[in-house]
PDB file of N, CA and C in Angstrom:
ATOM      1  N   UNK A   1      11.632 -36.629   2.389  1.00  0.00           N
ATOM      2  CA  UNK A   1      12.469 -36.489   1.295  1.00  0.00           C
ATOM      3  C   UNK A   1      13.234 -38.020   1.329  1.00  0.00           C
ATOM      4  N   UNK A   2      13.570 -38.592   2.408  1.00  0.00           N
ATOM      5  CA  UNK A   2      14.415 -39.705   2.444  1.00  0.00           C
ATOM      6  C   UNK A   2      13.498 -41.069   2.069  1.00  0.00           C
ATOM      7  N   UNK A   3      12.213 -40.751   2.407  1.00  0.00           N
ATOM      8  CA  UNK A   3      11.209 -41.961   1.922  1.00  0.00           C
ATOM      9  C   UNK A   3      11.217 -42.151   0.361  1.00  0.00           C
ATOM     10  N   UNK A   4      10.965 -40.717  -0.222  1.00  0.00           N
ATOM     11  CA  UNK A   4      10.911 -40.609  -1.748  1.00  0.00           C
ATOM     12  C   UNK A   4      12.123 -41.156  -2.261  1.00  0.00           C
ATOM     13  N   UNK A   5      13.139 -40.850  -1.637  1.00  0.00           N
ATOM     14  CA  UNK A   5      14.428 -41.439  -2.424  1.00  0.00           C
ATOM     15  C   UNK A   5      14.531 -43.117  -2.238  1.00  0.00           C
ATOM     16  N   UNK A   6      14.234 -43.657  -1.164  1.00  0.00           N
ATOM     17  CA  UNK A   6      14.223 -45.160  -1.046  1.00  0.00           C
ATOM     18  C   UNK A   6      13.285 -45.800  -1.850  1.00  0.00           C
ATOM     19  N   UNK A   7      12.168 -45.031  -2.074  1.00  0.00           N
ATOM     20  CA  UNK A   7      10.818 -45.511  -2.875  1.00  0.00           C
ATOM     21  C   UNK A   7      11.457 -45.538  -4.397  1.00  0.00           C
ATOM     22  N   UNK A   8      12.339 -44.565  -4.871  1.00  0.00           N
ATOM     23  CA  UNK A   8      12.670 -44.310  -6.335  1.00  0.00           C
ATOM     24  C   UNK A   8      13.692 -45.417  -6.268  1.00  0.00           C
ATOM     25  N   UNK A   9      14.545 -45.703  -5.397  1.00  0.00           N
ATOM     26  CA  UNK A   9      15.800 -46.748  -5.516  1.00  0.00           C
ATOM     27  C   UNK A   9      15.088 -48.090  -5.611  1.00  0.00           C
ATOM     28  N   UNK A  10      13.967 -48.224  -4.874  1.00  0.00           N
ATOM     29  CA  UNK A  10      13.238 -49.626  -4.723  1.00  0.00           C
ATOM     30  C   UNK A  10      12.639 -49.862  -6.260  1.00  0.00           C
ATOM     31  N   UNK A  11      11.775 -48.851  -6.897  1.00  0.00           N
ATOM     32  CA  UNK A  11      11.128 -48.788  -8.002  1.00  0.00           C
ATOM     33  C   UNK A  11      12.404 -49.398  -9.253  1.00  0.00           C
ATOM     34  N   UNK A  12      13.425 -48.517  -8.998  1.00  0.00           N
ATOM     35  CA  UNK A  12      14.508 -48.670 -10.152  1.00  0.00           C
ATOM     36  C   UNK A  12      15.080 -50.095 -10.148  1.00  0.00           C
ATOM     37  N   UNK A  13      15.279 -50.578  -9.036  1.00  0.00           N
ATOM     38  CA  UNK A  13      15.520 -52.148  -8.818  1.00  0.00           C
ATOM     39  C   UNK A  13      14.710 -53.075  -9.459  1.00  0.00           C
ATOM     40  N   UNK A  14      13.437 -52.736  -9.331  1.00  0.00           N
ATOM     41  CA  UNK A  14      12.210 -53.669  -9.824  1.00  0.00           C
ATOM     42  C   UNK A  14      12.238 -53.441 -11.356  1.00  0.00           C
ATOM     43  N   UNK A  15      12.358 -52.158 -11.921  1.00  0.00           N
ATOM     44  CA  UNK A  15      12.365 -51.972 -13.513  1.00  0.00           C
ATOM     45  C   UNK A  15      13.742 -52.849 -14.056  1.00  0.00           C
ATOM     46  N   UNK A  16      14.880 -52.553 -13.401  1.00  0.00           N
ATOM     47  CA  UNK A  16      15.923 -53.012 -13.855  1.00  0.00           C
ATOM     48  C   UNK A  16      16.123 -54.479 -13.777  1.00  0.00           C
ATOM     49  N   UNK A  17      15.229 -55.197 -12.984  1.00  0.00           N
ATOM     50  CA  UNK A  17      15.162 -56.802 -12.875  1.00  0.00           C
ATOM     51  C   UNK A  17      14.275 -57.262 -13.882  1.00  0.00           C
ATOM     52  N   UNK A  18      13.572 -56.487 -14.563  1.00  0.00           N
ATOM     53  CA  UNK A  18      12.755 -57.122 -15.815  1.00  0.00           C
ATOM     54  C   UNK A  18      13.214 -56.352 -17.325  1.00  0.00           C
ATOM     55  N   UNK A  19      14.365 -55.727 -17.023  1.00  0.00           N
ATOM     56  CA  UNK A  19      14.729 -55.057 -18.392  1.00  0.00           C
ATOM     57  C   UNK A  19      15.241 -55.895 -19.511  1.00  0.00           C
ATOM     58  N   UNK A  20      14.973 -55.807 -20.568  1.00  0.00           N
ATOM     59  CA  UNK A  20      15.432 -56.619 -21.886  1.00  0.00           C
ATOM     60  C   UNK A  20      16.489 -55.901 -22.702  1.00  0.00           C
ATOM     61  N   UNK A  21      17.401 -56.613 -23.311  1.00  0.00           N
ATOM     62  CA  UNK A  21      18.337 -55.802 -24.213  1.00  0.00           C
ATOM     63  C   UNK A  21      18.396 -56.360 -25.385  1.00  0.00           C
ATOM     64  N   UNK A  22      18.194 -55.558 -26.537  1.00  0.00           N
ATOM     65  CA  UNK A  22      18.630 -56.087 -27.843  1.00  0.00           C
ATOM     66  C   UNK A  22      19.886 -55.806 -28.128  1.00  0.00           C
ATOM     67  N   UNK A  23      20.789 -57.017 -28.141  1.00  0.00           N
ATOM     68  CA  UNK A  23      22.209 -56.932 -28.153  1.00  0.00           C
ATOM     69  C   UNK A  23      22.754 -56.303 -29.241  1.00  0.00           C
ATOM     70  N   UNK A  24      22.350 -56.521 -30.414  1.00  0.00           N
ATOM     71  CA  UNK A  24      22.994 -56.084 -31.569  1.00  0.00           C
ATOM     72  C   UNK A  24      22.874 -54.449 -31.624  1.00  0.00           C
ATOM     73  N   UNK A  25      21.881 -53.937 -31.406  1.00  0.00           N
ATOM     74  CA  UNK A  25      21.524 -52.463 -31.202  1.00  0.00           C
ATOM     75  C   UNK A  25      21.915 -51.712 -29.939  1.00  0.00           C
ATOM     76  N   UNK A  26      22.156 -52.512 -29.062  1.00  0.00           N
ATOM     77  CA  UNK A  26      22.229 -52.129 -27.674  1.00  0.00           C
ATOM     78  C   UNK A  26      21.102 -51.097 -27.202  1.00  0.00           C
ATOM     79  N   UNK A  27      19.863 -51.826 -27.256  1.00  0.00           N
ATOM     80  CA  UNK A  27      18.643 -51.056 -27.041  1.00  0.00           C
ATOM     81  C   UNK A  27      18.039 -51.576 -25.693  1.00  0.00           C
ATOM     82  N   UNK A  28      17.823 -50.970 -24.686  1.00  0.00           N
ATOM     83  CA  UNK A  28      17.132 -51.515 -23.457  1.00  0.00           C
ATOM     84  C   UNK A  28      15.525 -51.162 -23.601  1.00  0.00           C
ATOM     85  N   UNK A  29      14.776 -52.183 -23.302  1.00  0.00           N
ATOM     86  CA  UNK A  29      13.278 -52.167 -23.392  1.00  0.00           C
ATOM     87  C   UNK A  29      12.639 -53.085 -22.382  1.00  0.00           C
ATOM     88  N   UNK A  30      11.350 -52.964 -22.052  1.00  0.00           N
ATOM     89  CA  UNK A  30      10.430 -53.549 -21.100  1.00  0.00           C
ATOM     90  C   UNK A  30       9.388 -54.129 -22.056  1.00  0.00           C
ATOM     91  N   UNK A  31       8.685 -55.237 -21.712  1.00  0.00           N
ATOM     92  CA  UNK A  31       7.529 -55.678 -22.227  1.00  0.00           C
ATOM     93  C   UNK A  31       6.566 -55.341 -21.303  1.00  0.00           C
ATOM     94  N   UNK A  32       5.363 -54.951 -21.953  1.00  0.00           N
ATOM     95  CA  UNK A  32       4.283 -54.205 -21.031  1.00  0.00           C
ATOM     96  C   UNK A  32       3.781 -55.070 -20.094  1.00  0.00           C
ATOM     97  N   UNK A  33       3.727 -56.329 -20.359  1.00  0.00           N
ATOM     98  CA  UNK A  33       3.255 -57.535 -19.525  1.00  0.00           C
ATOM     99  C   UNK A  33       3.857 -57.569 -18.221  1.00  0.00           C
ATOM    100  N   UNK A  34       5.304 -57.268 -18.232  1.00  0.00           N
ATOM    101  CA  UNK A  34       6.190 -57.231 -17.423  1.00  0.00           C
ATOM    102  C   UNK A  34       6.086 -56.179 -16.273  1.00  0.00           C
ATOM    103  N   UNK A  35       5.767 -55.054 -17.042  1.00  0.00           N
ATOM    104  CA  UNK A  35       5.567 -53.596 -16.498  1.00  0.00           C
ATOM    105  C   UNK A  35       4.302 -53.743 -15.543  1.00  0.00           C
ATOM    106  N   UNK A  36       3.307 -54.254 -16.166  1.00  0.00           N
ATOM    107  CA  UNK A  36       1.952 -54.440 -15.659  1.00  0.00           C
ATOM    108  C   UNK A  36       2.109 -54.852 -14.181  1.00  0.00           C
ATOM    109  N   UNK A  37       2.946 -56.326 -14.019  1.00  0.00           N
ATOM    110  CA  UNK A  37       3.104 -56.505 -12.569  1.00  0.00           C
ATOM    111  C   UNK A  37       3.660 -55.734 -11.680  1.00  0.00           C
ATOM    112  N   UNK A  38       4.884 -55.262 -12.019  1.00  0.00           N
ATOM    113  CA  UNK A  38       5.646 -54.206 -11.372  1.00  0.00           C
ATOM    114  C   UNK A  38       4.846 -53.006 -11.018  1.00  0.00           C
ATOM    115  N   UNK A  39       4.078 -52.612 -11.877  1.00  0.00           N
ATOM    116  CA  UNK A  39       3.137 -51.253 -11.335  1.00  0.00           C
ATOM    117  C   UNK A  39       1.806 -51.747 -10.635  1.00  0.00           C
ATOM    118  N   UNK A  40       1.488 -53.006 -10.430  1.00  0.00           N
ATOM    119  CA  UNK A  40       0.407 -53.290  -9.438  1.00  0.00           C
ATOM    120  C   UNK A  40      -0.878 -53.702 -10.268  1.00  0.00           C
ATOM    121  N   UNK A  41      -0.786 -53.906 -11.651  1.00  0.00           N
ATOM    122  CA  UNK A  41      -2.109 -54.125 -12.034  1.00  0.00           C
ATOM    123  C   UNK A  41      -2.246 -55.813 -12.175  1.00  0.00           C
ATOM    124  N   UNK A  42      -3.385 -56.068 -11.791  1.00  0.00           N
ATOM    125  CA  UNK A  42      -3.657 -57.646 -11.627  1.00  0.00           C
ATOM    126  C   UNK A  42      -4.200 -57.999 -12.982  1.00  0.00           C
ATOM    127  N   UNK A  43      -5.002 -57.065 -13.678  1.00  0.00           N
ATOM    128  CA  UNK A  43      -5.542 -57.480 -14.887  1.00  0.00           C
ATOM    129  C   UNK A  43      -5.175 -56.700 -16.164  1.00  0.00           C
ATOM    130  N   UNK A  44      -4.769 -57.448 -17.244  1.00  0.00           N
ATOM    131  CA  UNK A  44      -4.347 -56.893 -18.457  1.00  0.00           C
ATOM    132  C   UNK A  44      -5.188 -55.824 -18.997  1.00  0.00           C
ATOM    133  N   UNK A  45      -6.600 -56.117 -18.884  1.00  0.00           N
ATOM    134  CA  UNK A  45      -7.370 -54.904 -19.365  1.00  0.00           C
ATOM    135  C   UNK A  45      -7.412 -53.796 -18.589  1.00  0.00           C
ATOM    136  N   UNK A  46      -7.026 -53.692 -17.265  1.00  0.00           N
ATOM    137  CA  UNK A  46      -7.171 -52.404 -16.650  1.00  0.00           C
ATOM    138  C   UNK A  46      -5.845 -51.655 -17.003  1.00  0.00           C
ATOM    139  N   UNK A  47      -4.683 -52.445 -17.306  1.00  0.00           N
ATOM    140  CA  UNK A  47      -3.463 -51.726 -17.488  1.00  0.00           C
ATOM    141  C   UNK A  47      -3.509 -51.245 -18.875  1.00  0.00           C
ATOM    142  N   UNK A  48      -4.103 -52.058 -19.846  1.00  0.00           N
ATOM    143  CA  UNK A  48      -4.115 -51.631 -21.075  1.00  0.00           C
ATOM    144  C   UNK A  48      -5.048 -50.168 -21.352  1.00  0.00           C
ATOM    145  N   UNK A  49      -5.918 -50.139 -20.525  1.00  0.00           N
ATOM    146  CA  UNK A  49      -6.975 -49.108 -20.651  1.00  0.00           C
ATOM    147  C   UNK A  49      -6.271 -47.711 -20.006  1.00  0.00           C
ATOM    148  N   UNK A  50      -5.289 -47.831 -19.179  1.00  0.00           N
ATOM    149  CA  UNK A  50      -4.619 -46.857 -18.466  1.00  0.00           C
ATOM    150  C   UNK A  50      -3.590 -46.362 -19.604  1.00  0.00           C
ATOM    151  N   UNK A  51      -2.934 -47.338 -20.134  1.00  0.00           N
ATOM    152  CA  UNK A  51      -2.066 -46.938 -21.331  1.00  0.00           C
ATOM    153  C   UNK A  51      -2.778 -46.087 -22.396  1.00  0.00           C
ATOM    154  N   UNK A  52      -3.686 -46.547 -22.802  1.00  0.00           N
ATOM    155  CA  UNK A  52      -4.596 -45.864 -23.914  1.00  0.00           C
ATOM    156  C   UNK A  52      -5.338 -44.533 -23.426  1.00  0.00           C
ATOM    157  N   UNK A  53      -5.241 -44.230 -22.130  1.00  0.00           N
ATOM    158  CA  UNK A  53      -5.638 -42.956 -21.539  1.00  0.00           C
ATOM    159  C   UNK A  53      -4.526 -41.996 -21.694  1.00  0.00           C
ATOM    160  N   UNK A  54      -3.352 -42.558 -21.239  1.00  0.00           N
ATOM    161  CA  UNK A  54      -2.070 -41.733 -21.274  1.00  0.00           C
ATOM    162  C   UNK A  54      -1.632 -41.342 -22.645  1.00  0.00           C
ATOM    163  N   UNK A  55      -1.991 -42.298 -23.547  1.00  0.00           N
ATOM    164  CA  UNK A  55      -1.730 -42.080 -25.022  1.00  0.00           C
ATOM    165  C   UNK A  55      -2.513 -40.815 -25.447  1.00  0.00           C
ATOM    166  N   UNK A  56      -3.879 -40.847 -25.164  1.00  0.00           N
ATOM    167  CA  UNK A  56      -4.685 -39.696 -25.573  1.00  0.00           C
ATOM    168  C   UNK A  56      -4.129 -38.641 -25.028  1.00  0.00           C
ATOM    169  N   UNK A  57      -3.965 -38.394 -23.543  1.00  0.00           N
ATOM    170  CA  UNK A  57      -3.344 -37.370 -22.941  1.00  0.00           C
ATOM    171  C   UNK A  57      -2.488 -36.699 -23.837  1.00  0.00           C
ATOM    172  N   UNK A  58      -1.307 -37.468 -24.064  1.00  0.00           N
ATOM    173  CA  UNK A  58      -0.067 -36.966 -24.886  1.00  0.00           C
ATOM    174  C   UNK A  58      -0.601 -36.563 -26.173  1.00  0.00           C
ATOM    175  N   UNK A  59      -1.431 -37.079 -26.816  1.00  0.00           N
ATOM    176  CA  UNK A  59      -1.823 -36.698 -28.156  1.00  0.00           C
ATOM    177  C   UNK A  59      -2.586 -35.133 -27.851  1.00  0.00           C
ATOM    178  N   UNK A  60      -3.406 -35.098 -26.869  1.00  0.00           N
ATOM    179  CA  UNK A  60      -4.116 -33.913 -26.634  1.00  0.00           C
ATOM    180  C   UNK A  60      -2.940 -32.831 -26.281  1.00  0.00           C
ATOM    181  N   UNK A  61      -1.876 -33.060 -25.517  1.00  0.00           N
ATOM    182  CA  UNK A  61      -0.841 -32.016 -24.950  1.00  0.00           C
ATOM    183  C   UNK A  61      -0.047 -31.674 -26.271  1.00  0.00           C
ATOM    184  N   UNK A  62      -0.019 -32.534 -27.249  1.00  0.00           N
ATOM    185  CA  UNK A  62       0.961 -32.205 -28.466  1.00  0.00           C
ATOM    186  C   UNK A  62       0.254 -31.001 -29.123  1.00  0.00           C
ATOM    187  N   UNK A  63      -1.154 -31.046 -29.368  1.00  0.00           N
ATOM    188  CA  UNK A  63      -1.892 -30.180 -30.110  1.00  0.00           C
ATOM    189  C   UNK A  63      -2.197 -28.949 -29.473  1.00  0.00           C
ATOM    190  N   UNK A  64      -1.808 -28.656 -28.186  1.00  0.00           N
ATOM    191  CA  UNK A  64      -1.947 -27.385 -27.349  1.00  0.00           C
ATOM    192  C   UNK A  64      -0.916 -26.349 -27.736  1.00  0.00           C
TER     193      UNK A  64
END
């Protein structure tokens, strides 16, 4: 359990380090290419394929 907690803290710190904020609307967001690196993808093509697969999965689940 302790390992999982420390891993979550580490991941949160990584994501917080690349967060962007739209000041006027106070919206936080990430750029996909920044997330790609943090998630360990070396090539954009591999990362975008993963995103497409997950989008298709969500579409499938919505229709269940």
